Amino acid sequence: MDAAQFQTELSRMVQTHINSPAIIMWDVFNESQGQENTSGGVGQATTASLVQLVKTLDPSRLVNQASAATITA
């Protein structure tokens, strides 16, 4: 997946659904799929910058980097 295209589509998704009362939290990735340094991850994009992008677009909701994921350093 192209990192720039992913960022564009993520931004559009948030902007399109920002007024939906059903959304209580944004999940950037499903579990750890797609995060950098994971098998099958986009690699070109940093997870932290994508989380910050979503927080900037919608500061009223929580942002989770990956649902049900456990990230260890």
PDB file of N, CA and C in Angstrom:
ATOM      1  N   MET A   1       0.837  -1.176   0.000  1.00  0.00           N
ATOM      2  CA  MET A   1       0.000   0.000   0.000  1.00  0.00           C
ATOM      3  C   MET A   1       0.878   1.234   0.000  1.00  0.00           C
ATOM      4  N   ASP A   2       0.448   2.225  -0.732  1.00  0.00           N
ATOM      5  CA  ASP A   2       1.160   3.487  -0.814  1.00  0.00           C
ATOM      6  C   ASP A   2       0.840   4.335   0.426  1.00  0.00           C
ATOM      7  N   ALA A   3       1.861   4.771   1.126  1.00  0.00           N
ATOM      8  CA  ALA A   3       1.675   5.504   2.381  1.00  0.00           C
ATOM      9  C   ALA A   3       0.949   6.830   2.183  1.00  0.00           C
ATOM     10  N   ALA A   4       1.274   7.548   1.118  1.00  0.00           N
ATOM     11  CA  ALA A   4       0.614   8.827   0.864  1.00  0.00           C
ATOM     12  C   ALA A   4      -0.870   8.625   0.572  1.00  0.00           C
ATOM     13  N   GLN A   5      -1.188   7.596  -0.185  1.00  0.00           N
ATOM     14  CA  GLN A   5      -2.595   7.306  -0.485  1.00  0.00           C
ATOM     15  C   GLN A   5      -3.347   6.898   0.776  1.00  0.00           C
ATOM     16  N   PHE A   6      -2.695   6.117   1.636  1.00  0.00           N
ATOM     17  CA  PHE A   6      -3.317   5.721   2.896  1.00  0.00           C
ATOM     18  C   PHE A   6      -3.650   6.956   3.733  1.00  0.00           C
ATOM     19  N   GLN A   7      -2.720   7.897   3.820  1.00  0.00           N
ATOM     20  CA  GLN A   7      -2.933   9.116   4.592  1.00  0.00           C
ATOM     21  C   GLN A   7      -4.082   9.934   3.998  1.00  0.00           C
ATOM     22  N   THR A   8      -4.151  10.027   2.681  1.00  0.00           N
ATOM     23  CA  THR A   8      -5.235  10.755   2.012  1.00  0.00           C
ATOM     24  C   THR A   8      -6.586  10.119   2.318  1.00  0.00           C
ATOM     25  N   GLU A   9      -6.661   8.808   2.205  1.00  0.00           N
ATOM     26  CA  GLU A   9      -7.929   8.116   2.455  1.00  0.00           C
ATOM     27  C   GLU A   9      -8.330   8.179   3.933  1.00  0.00           C
ATOM     28  N   LEU A  10      -7.363   8.112   4.830  1.00  0.00           N
ATOM     29  CA  LEU A  10      -7.636   8.231   6.259  1.00  0.00           C
ATOM     30  C   LEU A  10      -8.211   9.616   6.566  1.00  0.00           C
ATOM     31  N   SER A  11      -7.599  10.641   6.007  1.00  0.00           N
ATOM     32  CA  SER A  11      -8.086  12.011   6.211  1.00  0.00           C
ATOM     33  C   SER A  11      -9.508  12.177   5.684  1.00  0.00           C
ATOM     34  N   ARG A  12      -9.768  11.670   4.502  1.00  0.00           N
ATOM     35  CA  ARG A  12     -11.100  11.778   3.908  1.00  0.00           C
ATOM     36  C   ARG A  12     -12.145  11.031   4.740  1.00  0.00           C
ATOM     37  N   MET A  13     -11.771   9.876   5.275  1.00  0.00           N
ATOM     38  CA  MET A  13     -12.699   9.105   6.091  1.00  0.00           C
ATOM     39  C   MET A  13     -13.101   9.897   7.337  1.00  0.00           C
ATOM     40  N   VAL A  14     -12.113  10.479   8.017  1.00  0.00           N
ATOM     41  CA  VAL A  14     -12.406  11.255   9.218  1.00  0.00           C
ATOM     42  C   VAL A  14     -13.262  12.467   8.860  1.00  0.00           C
ATOM     43  N   GLN A  15     -12.896  13.183   7.808  1.00  0.00           N
ATOM     44  CA  GLN A  15     -13.641  14.377   7.425  1.00  0.00           C
ATOM     45  C   GLN A  15     -15.072  14.040   7.003  1.00  0.00           C
ATOM     46  N   THR A  16     -15.269  12.910   6.363  1.00  0.00           N
ATOM     47  CA  THR A  16     -16.595  12.500   5.910  1.00  0.00           C
ATOM     48  C   THR A  16     -17.498  12.128   7.076  1.00  0.00           C
ATOM     49  N   HIS A  17     -16.936  11.471   8.083  1.00  0.00           N
ATOM     50  CA  HIS A  17     -17.748  10.918   9.175  1.00  0.00           C
ATOM     51  C   HIS A  17     -17.618  11.684  10.490  1.00  0.00           C
ATOM     52  N   ILE A  18     -17.013  12.858  10.464  1.00  0.00           N
ATOM     53  CA  ILE A  18     -16.745  13.595  11.694  1.00  0.00           C
ATOM     54  C   ILE A  18     -18.018  13.953  12.465  1.00  0.00           C
ATOM     55  N   ASN A  19     -19.127  14.124  11.784  1.00  0.00           N
ATOM     56  CA  ASN A  19     -20.374  14.503  12.458  1.00  0.00           C
ATOM     57  C   ASN A  19     -21.237  13.315  12.857  1.00  0.00           C
ATOM     58  N   SER A  20     -20.749  12.112  12.682  1.00  0.00           N
ATOM     59  CA  SER A  20     -21.529  10.929  13.030  1.00  0.00           C
ATOM     60  C   SER A  20     -21.530  10.715  14.549  1.00  0.00           C
ATOM     61  N   PRO A  21     -22.712  10.706  15.161  1.00  0.00           N
ATOM     62  CA  PRO A  21     -22.764  10.493  16.606  1.00  0.00           C
ATOM     63  C   PRO A  21     -22.447   9.048  17.012  1.00  0.00           C
ATOM     64  N   ALA A  22     -22.411   8.152  16.047  1.00  0.00           N
ATOM     65  CA  ALA A  22     -22.134   6.744  16.350  1.00  0.00           C
ATOM     66  C   ALA A  22     -20.644   6.474  16.563  1.00  0.00           C
ATOM     67  N   ILE A  23     -19.799   7.374  16.110  1.00  0.00           N
ATOM     68  CA  ILE A  23     -18.356   7.174  16.247  1.00  0.00           C
ATOM     69  C   ILE A  23     -17.906   7.746  17.588  1.00  0.00           C
ATOM     70  N   ILE A  24     -17.337   6.874  18.414  1.00  0.00           N
ATOM     71  CA  ILE A  24     -16.848   7.333  19.716  1.00  0.00           C
ATOM     72  C   ILE A  24     -15.324   7.355  19.779  1.00  0.00           C
ATOM     73  N   MET A  25     -14.675   6.655  18.827  1.00  0.00           N
ATOM     74  CA  MET A  25     -13.216   6.583  18.818  1.00  0.00           C
ATOM     75  C   MET A  25     -12.766   6.174  17.422  1.00  0.00           C
ATOM     76  N   TRP A  26     -11.647   6.719  16.991  1.00  0.00           N
ATOM     77  CA  TRP A  26     -11.049   6.328  15.715  1.00  0.00           C
ATOM     78  C   TRP A  26      -9.974   5.279  15.965  1.00  0.00           C
ATOM     79  N   ASP A  27      -9.973   4.206  15.180  1.00  0.00           N
ATOM     80  CA  ASP A  27      -8.899   3.209  15.167  1.00  0.00           C
ATOM     81  C   ASP A  27      -8.158   3.360  13.859  1.00  0.00           C
ATOM     82  N   VAL A  28      -6.879   3.695  13.931  1.00  0.00           N
ATOM     83  CA  VAL A  28      -6.103   3.909  12.715  1.00  0.00           C
ATOM     84  C   VAL A  28      -5.852   2.588  11.989  1.00  0.00           C
ATOM     85  N   PHE A  29      -5.531   1.544  12.730  1.00  0.00           N
ATOM     86  CA  PHE A  29      -5.288   0.227  12.140  1.00  0.00           C
ATOM     87  C   PHE A  29      -6.117  -0.826  12.865  1.00  0.00           C
ATOM     88  N   ASN A  30      -6.468  -1.884  12.156  1.00  0.00           N
ATOM     89  CA  ASN A  30      -7.136  -3.032  12.753  1.00  0.00           C
ATOM     90  C   ASN A  30      -6.060  -3.928  13.351  1.00  0.00           C
ATOM     91  N   GLU A  31      -6.075  -4.046  14.659  1.00  0.00           N
ATOM     92  CA  GLU A  31      -5.037  -4.758  15.404  1.00  0.00           C
ATOM     93  C   GLU A  31      -3.698  -4.157  15.008  1.00  0.00           C
ATOM     94  N   SER A  32      -2.699  -4.935  14.685  1.00  0.00           N
ATOM     95  CA  SER A  32      -1.416  -4.340  14.298  1.00  0.00           C
ATOM     96  C   SER A  32      -1.213  -4.360  12.791  1.00  0.00           C
ATOM     97  N   GLN A  33      -2.210  -4.748  12.041  1.00  0.00           N
ATOM     98  CA  GLN A  33      -2.087  -4.825  10.589  1.00  0.00           C
ATOM     99  C   GLN A  33      -1.827  -3.452   9.995  1.00  0.00           C
ATOM    100  N   GLY A  34      -0.822  -3.360   9.172  1.00  0.00           N
ATOM    101  CA  GLY A  34      -0.522  -2.120   8.479  1.00  0.00           C
ATOM    102  C   GLY A  34       0.457  -1.204   9.177  1.00  0.00           C
ATOM    103  N   GLN A  35       0.709  -1.405  10.451  1.00  0.00           N
ATOM    104  CA  GLN A  35       1.651  -0.539  11.143  1.00  0.00           C
ATOM    105  C   GLN A  35       3.065  -0.816  10.664  1.00  0.00           C
ATOM    106  N   GLU A  36       3.891   0.218  10.751  1.00  0.00           N
ATOM    107  CA  GLU A  36       5.280   0.015  10.368  1.00  0.00           C
ATOM    108  C   GLU A  36       5.930  -1.011  11.294  1.00  0.00           C
ATOM    109  N   ASN A  37       6.915  -1.672  10.801  1.00  0.00           N
ATOM    110  CA  ASN A  37       7.661  -2.697  11.540  1.00  0.00           C
ATOM    111  C   ASN A  37       6.826  -3.924  11.880  1.00  0.00           C
ATOM    112  N   THR A  38       5.736  -4.155  11.156  1.00  0.00           N
ATOM    113  CA  THR A  38       4.957  -5.379  11.315  1.00  0.00           C
ATOM    114  C   THR A  38       4.939  -6.082   9.969  1.00  0.00           C
ATOM    115  N   SER A  39       4.713  -7.367   9.969  1.00  0.00           N
ATOM    116  CA  SER A  39       4.656  -8.064   8.697  1.00  0.00           C
ATOM    117  C   SER A  39       3.458  -7.538   7.914  1.00  0.00           C
ATOM    118  N   GLY A  40       3.695  -7.151   6.685  1.00  0.00           N
ATOM    119  CA  GLY A  40       2.645  -6.591   5.855  1.00  0.00           C
ATOM    120  C   GLY A  40       2.370  -5.126   6.118  1.00  0.00           C
ATOM    121  N   GLY A  41       3.196  -4.476   6.968  1.00  0.00           N
ATOM    122  CA  GLY A  41       2.986  -3.067   7.277  1.00  0.00           C
ATOM    123  C   GLY A  41       3.346  -2.173   6.113  1.00  0.00           C
ATOM    124  N   VAL A  42       2.742  -0.998   6.060  1.00  0.00           N
ATOM    125  CA  VAL A  42       3.034  -0.087   4.964  1.00  0.00           C
ATOM    126  C   VAL A  42       4.471   0.397   5.021  1.00  0.00           C
ATOM    127  N   GLY A  43       5.026   0.486   6.204  1.00  0.00           N
ATOM    128  CA  GLY A  43       6.446   0.796   6.357  1.00  0.00           C
ATOM    129  C   GLY A  43       6.825   2.233   6.059  1.00  0.00           C
ATOM    130  N   GLN A  44       6.251   2.821   5.012  1.00  0.00           N
ATOM    131  CA  GLN A  44       6.621   4.185   4.650  1.00  0.00           C
ATOM    132  C   GLN A  44       6.001   5.205   5.608  1.00  0.00           C
ATOM    133  N   ALA A  45       4.883   4.886   6.201  1.00  0.00           N
ATOM    134  CA  ALA A  45       4.193   5.823   7.089  1.00  0.00           C
ATOM    135  C   ALA A  45       4.512   5.488   8.539  1.00  0.00           C
ATOM    136  N   THR A  46       4.594   6.485   9.341  1.00  0.00           N
ATOM    137  CA  THR A  46       4.803   6.221  10.764  1.00  0.00           C
ATOM    138  C   THR A  46       3.458   6.222  11.469  1.00  0.00           C
ATOM    139  N   THR A  47       3.262   5.275  12.324  1.00  0.00           N
ATOM    140  CA  THR A  47       2.012   5.150  13.065  1.00  0.00           C
ATOM    141  C   THR A  47       1.752   6.394  13.895  1.00  0.00           C
ATOM    142  N   ALA A  48       2.757   6.909  14.561  1.00  0.00           N
ATOM    143  CA  ALA A  48       2.589   8.078  15.424  1.00  0.00           C
ATOM    144  C   ALA A  48       2.103   9.294  14.639  1.00  0.00           C
ATOM    145  N   SER A  49       2.627   9.497  13.444  1.00  0.00           N
ATOM    146  CA  SER A  49       2.196  10.664  12.660  1.00  0.00           C
ATOM    147  C   SER A  49       0.763  10.511  12.174  1.00  0.00           C
ATOM    148  N   LEU A  50       0.341   9.281  11.884  1.00  0.00           N
ATOM    149  CA  LEU A  50      -1.046   9.050  11.465  1.00  0.00           C
ATOM    150  C   LEU A  50      -2.009   9.275  12.631  1.00  0.00           C
ATOM    151  N   VAL A  51      -1.619   8.843  13.816  1.00  0.00           N
ATOM    152  CA  VAL A  51      -2.441   9.089  15.004  1.00  0.00           C
ATOM    153  C   VAL A  51      -2.562  10.590  15.239  1.00  0.00           C
ATOM    154  N   GLN A  52      -1.466  11.310  15.118  1.00  0.00           N
ATOM    155  CA  GLN A  52      -1.490  12.766  15.313  1.00  0.00           C
ATOM    156  C   GLN A  52      -2.353  13.446  14.256  1.00  0.00           C
ATOM    157  N   LEU A  53      -2.318  12.959  13.027  1.00  0.00           N
ATOM    158  CA  LEU A  53      -3.157  13.497  11.955  1.00  0.00           C
ATOM    159  C   LEU A  53      -4.633  13.391  12.328  1.00  0.00           C
ATOM    160  N   VAL A  54      -5.041  12.216  12.786  1.00  0.00           N
ATOM    161  CA  VAL A  54      -6.446  12.008  13.157  1.00  0.00           C
ATOM    162  C   VAL A  54      -6.819  12.882  14.348  1.00  0.00           C
ATOM    163  N   LYS A  55      -5.930  12.998  15.334  1.00  0.00           N
ATOM    164  CA  LYS A  55      -6.195  13.855  16.498  1.00  0.00           C
ATOM    165  C   LYS A  55      -6.356  15.317  16.081  1.00  0.00           C
ATOM    166  N   THR A  56      -5.595  15.741  15.091  1.00  0.00           N
ATOM    167  CA  THR A  56      -5.686  17.109  14.587  1.00  0.00           C
ATOM    168  C   THR A  56      -7.007  17.321  13.841  1.00  0.00           C
ATOM    169  N   LEU A  57      -7.402  16.339  13.040  1.00  0.00           N
ATOM    170  CA  LEU A  57      -8.648  16.447  12.282  1.00  0.00           C
ATOM    171  C   LEU A  57      -9.877  16.398  13.183  1.00  0.00           C
ATOM    172  N   ASP A  58      -9.810  15.595  14.246  1.00  0.00           N
ATOM    173  CA  ASP A  58     -10.949  15.456  15.153  1.00  0.00           C
ATOM    174  C   ASP A  58     -10.460  15.395  16.604  1.00  0.00           C
ATOM    175  N   PRO A  59     -10.243  16.551  17.209  1.00  0.00           N
ATOM    176  CA  PRO A  59      -9.746  16.571  18.590  1.00  0.00           C
ATOM    177  C   PRO A  59     -10.801  16.192  19.629  1.00  0.00           C
ATOM    178  N   SER A  60     -12.040  15.981  19.219  1.00  0.00           N
ATOM    179  CA  SER A  60     -13.108  15.677  20.172  1.00  0.00           C
ATOM    180  C   SER A  60     -13.221  14.195  20.519  1.00  0.00           C
ATOM    181  N   ARG A  61     -12.513  13.330  19.776  1.00  0.00           N
ATOM    182  CA  ARG A  61     -12.635  11.896  20.016  1.00  0.00           C
ATOM    183  C   ARG A  61     -11.283  11.274  20.359  1.00  0.00           C
ATOM    184  N   LEU A  62     -11.361  10.126  21.002  1.00  0.00           N
ATOM    185  CA  LEU A  62     -10.157   9.341  21.271  1.00  0.00           C
ATOM    186  C   LEU A  62      -9.624   8.765  19.968  1.00  0.00           C
ATOM    187  N   VAL A  63      -8.324   8.529  19.925  1.00  0.00           N
ATOM    188  CA  VAL A  63      -7.691   7.892  18.766  1.00  0.00           C
ATOM    189  C   VAL A  63      -6.845   6.743  19.280  1.00  0.00           C
ATOM    190  N   ASN A  64      -7.100   5.554  18.746  1.00  0.00           N
ATOM    191  CA  ASN A  64      -6.366   4.350  19.124  1.00  0.00           C
ATOM    192  C   ASN A  64      -5.500   3.955  17.928  1.00  0.00           C
ATOM    193  N   GLN A  65      -4.244   3.699  18.163  1.00  0.00           N
ATOM    194  CA  GLN A  65      -3.363   3.366  17.037  1.00  0.00           C
ATOM    195  C   GLN A  65      -3.708   2.027  16.404  1.00  0.00           C
ATOM    196  N   ALA A  66      -4.157   1.086  17.209  1.00  0.00           N
ATOM    197  CA  ALA A  66      -4.484  -0.233  16.671  1.00  0.00           C
ATOM    198  C   ALA A  66      -5.399  -0.963  17.647  1.00  0.00           C
ATOM    199  N   SER A  67      -6.551  -1.345  17.202  1.00  0.00           N
ATOM    200  CA  SER A  67      -7.493  -2.043  18.087  1.00  0.00           C
ATOM    201  C   SER A  67      -6.909  -3.379  18.498  1.00  0.00           C
ATOM    202  N   ALA A  68      -6.960  -3.653  19.765  1.00  0.00           N
ATOM    203  CA  ALA A  68      -6.554  -4.940  20.343  1.00  0.00           C
ATOM    204  C   ALA A  68      -5.085  -5.287  20.116  1.00  0.00           C
ATOM    205  N   ALA A  69      -4.268  -4.322  19.821  1.00  0.00           N
ATOM    206  CA  ALA A  69      -2.862  -4.618  19.570  1.00  0.00           C
ATOM    207  C   ALA A  69      -2.027  -4.387  20.830  1.00  0.00           C
ATOM    208  N   THR A  70      -1.027  -5.184  20.974  1.00  0.00           N
ATOM    209  CA  THR A  70      -0.079  -5.004  22.044  1.00  0.00           C
ATOM    210  C   THR A  70       1.263  -4.650  21.399  1.00  0.00           C
ATOM    211  N   ILE A  71       1.736  -3.463  21.648  1.00  0.00           N
ATOM    212  CA  ILE A  71       2.993  -3.000  21.073  1.00  0.00           C
ATOM    213  C   ILE A  71       4.042  -3.016  22.173  1.00  0.00           C
ATOM    214  N   THR A  72       5.150  -3.667  21.920  1.00  0.00           N
ATOM    215  CA  THR A  72       6.229  -3.709  22.892  1.00  0.00           C
ATOM    216  C   THR A  72       7.458  -3.044  22.305  1.00  0.00           C
ATOM    217  N   ALA A  73       8.226  -2.422  23.156  1.00  0.00           N
ATOM    218  CA  ALA A  73       9.438  -1.725  22.686  1.00  0.00           C
ATOM    219  C   ALA A  73      10.614  -2.666  22.707  1.00  0.00           C
TER     220      ALA A  73
END
